[in-house]
């Protein structure tokens, strides 16, 4: 069953963000992840949540998503994160194929 990393991102430093993004993307690919959403065109339909940019990454399952988050490759990306951005980050379980 797929799993999703969902991130609500606020960019602090565009140069540091590019470094983080490049490193994160490489680490995601190495752990069989793929970007599903990576954008800042958001239409608020309900509630008080007003994110500036949302990133959603799909992994084949929860175990691979957790392995990516704890990986040395992603740790390398995290070295640039605090200067690059602030965010809220969650991991959620997806649903299997509907028949």
C-alpha atoms as a PDB file:
ATOM      1  CA  UNK A   1       0.000   0.000   0.000  1.00  0.00           C
ATOM      2  CA  UNK A   2       1.474   3.415  -0.879  1.00  0.00           C
ATOM      3  CA  UNK A   3       2.498   5.924   1.767  1.00  0.00           C
ATOM      4  CA  UNK A   4       2.751   9.680   1.461  1.00  0.00           C
ATOM      5  CA  UNK A   5       5.003  12.319   2.955  1.00  0.00           C
ATOM      6  CA  UNK A   6       3.074  15.597   2.998  1.00  0.00           C
ATOM      7  CA  UNK A   7       4.914  18.832   3.624  1.00  0.00           C
ATOM      8  CA  UNK A   8       3.593  22.370   4.103  1.00  0.00           C
ATOM      9  CA  UNK A   9       6.623  24.508   3.220  1.00  0.00           C
ATOM     10  CA  UNK A  10       7.624  28.127   3.742  1.00  0.00           C
ATOM     11  CA  UNK A  11      10.837  29.038   1.939  1.00  0.00           C
ATOM     12  CA  UNK A  12      13.294  31.134   3.954  1.00  0.00           C
ATOM     13  CA  UNK A  13      16.315  31.292   1.644  1.00  0.00           C
ATOM     14  CA  UNK A  14      15.974  30.493  -2.068  1.00  0.00           C
ATOM     15  CA  UNK A  15      19.627  29.535  -2.591  1.00  0.00           C
ATOM     16  CA  UNK A  16      19.639  27.167   0.387  1.00  0.00           C
ATOM     17  CA  UNK A  17      16.253  25.862  -0.746  1.00  0.00           C
ATOM     18  CA  UNK A  18      17.687  24.842  -4.129  1.00  0.00           C
ATOM     19  CA  UNK A  19      20.480  22.946  -2.364  1.00  0.00           C
ATOM     20  CA  UNK A  20      17.986  21.204  -0.070  1.00  0.00           C
ATOM     21  CA  UNK A  21      15.600  20.439  -2.937  1.00  0.00           C
ATOM     22  CA  UNK A  22      18.323  18.908  -5.124  1.00  0.00           C
ATOM     23  CA  UNK A  23      19.632  16.724  -2.306  1.00  0.00           C
ATOM     24  CA  UNK A  24      16.150  15.710  -1.153  1.00  0.00           C
ATOM     25  CA  UNK A  25      15.040  14.795  -4.688  1.00  0.00           C
ATOM     26  CA  UNK A  26      18.065  12.532  -5.179  1.00  0.00           C
ATOM     27  CA  UNK A  27      17.443  10.806  -1.846  1.00  0.00           C
ATOM     28  CA  UNK A  28      13.748  10.343  -2.627  1.00  0.00           C
ATOM     29  CA  UNK A  29      14.539   8.708  -5.975  1.00  0.00           C
ATOM     30  CA  UNK A  30      17.010   6.329  -4.299  1.00  0.00           C
ATOM     31  CA  UNK A  31      14.244   5.129  -1.983  1.00  0.00           C
ATOM     32  CA  UNK A  32      11.695   4.515  -4.765  1.00  0.00           C
ATOM     33  CA  UNK A  33       9.763   7.701  -4.000  1.00  0.00           C
ATOM     34  CA  UNK A  34       8.207  10.054  -6.502  1.00  0.00           C
ATOM     35  CA  UNK A  35       6.792  13.545  -6.314  1.00  0.00           C
ATOM     36  CA  UNK A  36       3.027  13.675  -6.710  1.00  0.00           C
ATOM     37  CA  UNK A  37       2.630  17.375  -5.871  1.00  0.00           C
ATOM     38  CA  UNK A  38       5.333  20.015  -5.778  1.00  0.00           C
ATOM     39  CA  UNK A  39       3.789  23.410  -6.136  1.00  0.00           C
ATOM     40  CA  UNK A  40       2.590  26.675  -4.794  1.00  0.00           C
ATOM     41  CA  UNK A  41      -0.643  27.150  -6.728  1.00  0.00           C
ATOM     42  CA  UNK A  42      -3.102  26.466  -3.910  1.00  0.00           C
ATOM     43  CA  UNK A  43      -6.819  27.191  -3.869  1.00  0.00           C
ATOM     44  CA  UNK A  44      -8.257  27.315  -0.358  1.00  0.00           C
ATOM     45  CA  UNK A  45     -11.698  25.720  -0.319  1.00  0.00           C
ATOM     46  CA  UNK A  46     -12.498  25.407   3.415  1.00  0.00           C
ATOM     47  CA  UNK A  47     -11.046  26.112   6.844  1.00  0.00           C
ATOM     48  CA  UNK A  48      -8.241  28.309   8.131  1.00  0.00           C
ATOM     49  CA  UNK A  49      -5.254  26.439   6.707  1.00  0.00           C
ATOM     50  CA  UNK A  50      -3.316  28.703   4.310  1.00  0.00           C
ATOM     51  CA  UNK A  51      -0.177  26.899   3.159  1.00  0.00           C
ATOM     52  CA  UNK A  52       2.196  28.672   0.774  1.00  0.00           C
ATOM     53  CA  UNK A  53       3.536  25.525  -0.892  1.00  0.00           C
ATOM     54  CA  UNK A  54       2.628  21.851  -0.594  1.00  0.00           C
ATOM     55  CA  UNK A  55       4.870  18.921  -1.450  1.00  0.00           C
ATOM     56  CA  UNK A  56       3.554  15.354  -1.556  1.00  0.00           C
ATOM     57  CA  UNK A  57       5.888  12.422  -2.132  1.00  0.00           C
ATOM     58  CA  UNK A  58       4.612   8.900  -2.713  1.00  0.00           C
ATOM     59  CA  UNK A  59       6.573   5.848  -1.555  1.00  0.00           C
ATOM     60  CA  UNK A  60       5.647   2.224  -2.224  1.00  0.00           C
ATOM     61  CA  UNK A  61       4.905   1.663   1.481  1.00  0.00           C
ATOM     62  CA  UNK A  62       5.357   3.054   4.996  1.00  0.00           C
ATOM     63  CA  UNK A  63       8.590   1.142   5.562  1.00  0.00           C
ATOM     64  CA  UNK A  64      10.321   2.711   2.554  1.00  0.00           C
ATOM     65  CA  UNK A  65       9.072   6.169   3.496  1.00  0.00           C
ATOM     66  CA  UNK A  66      10.487   5.738   7.002  1.00  0.00           C
ATOM     67  CA  UNK A  67      13.735   4.338   5.605  1.00  0.00           C
ATOM     68  CA  UNK A  68      14.075   7.390   3.352  1.00  0.00           C
ATOM     69  CA  UNK A  69      13.442   9.802   6.238  1.00  0.00           C
ATOM     70  CA  UNK A  70      16.133   8.113   8.351  1.00  0.00           C
ATOM     71  CA  UNK A  71      18.617   7.611   5.494  1.00  0.00           C
ATOM     72  CA  UNK A  72      22.099   9.085   5.292  1.00  0.00           C
ATOM     73  CA  UNK A  73      21.206  10.556   1.892  1.00  0.00           C
ATOM     74  CA  UNK A  74      18.324  12.521   3.365  1.00  0.00           C
ATOM     75  CA  UNK A  75      20.418  13.494   6.391  1.00  0.00           C
ATOM     76  CA  UNK A  76      22.712  15.213   3.883  1.00  0.00           C
ATOM     77  CA  UNK A  77      19.718  17.217   2.584  1.00  0.00           C
ATOM     78  CA  UNK A  78      18.707  18.139   6.127  1.00  0.00           C
ATOM     79  CA  UNK A  79      22.017  19.969   6.550  1.00  0.00           C
ATOM     80  CA  UNK A  80      20.521  22.741   4.365  1.00  0.00           C
ATOM     81  CA  UNK A  81      16.922  22.546   5.628  1.00  0.00           C
ATOM     82  CA  UNK A  82      16.917  24.955   8.570  1.00  0.00           C
ATOM     83  CA  UNK A  83      18.390  27.777   6.517  1.00  0.00           C
ATOM     84  CA  UNK A  84      16.272  26.853   3.488  1.00  0.00           C
ATOM     85  CA  UNK A  85      12.774  26.466   4.882  1.00  0.00           C
ATOM     86  CA  UNK A  86      10.358  25.899   7.692  1.00  0.00           C
ATOM     87  CA  UNK A  87       7.683  23.270   7.368  1.00  0.00           C
ATOM     88  CA  UNK A  88       5.127  20.935   8.793  1.00  0.00           C
ATOM     89  CA  UNK A  89       5.741  17.337   7.744  1.00  0.00           C
ATOM     90  CA  UNK A  90       3.549  14.255   8.130  1.00  0.00           C
ATOM     91  CA  UNK A  91       3.591  10.648   6.980  1.00  0.00           C
ATOM     92  CA  UNK A  92       0.274   9.032   6.053  1.00  0.00           C
ATOM     93  CA  UNK A  93      -0.737   5.589   4.853  1.00  0.00           C
ATOM     94  CA  UNK A  94      -2.406   5.470   1.458  1.00  0.00           C
ATOM     95  CA  UNK A  95      -5.161   3.204   0.187  1.00  0.00           C
ATOM     96  CA  UNK A  96      -4.673   0.164  -2.008  1.00  0.00           C
ATOM     97  CA  UNK A  97      -6.071  -0.255  -5.484  1.00  0.00           C
ATOM     98  CA  UNK A  98      -9.832  -0.016  -5.496  1.00  0.00           C
ATOM     99  CA  UNK A  99     -11.499  -2.840  -7.395  1.00  0.00           C
END
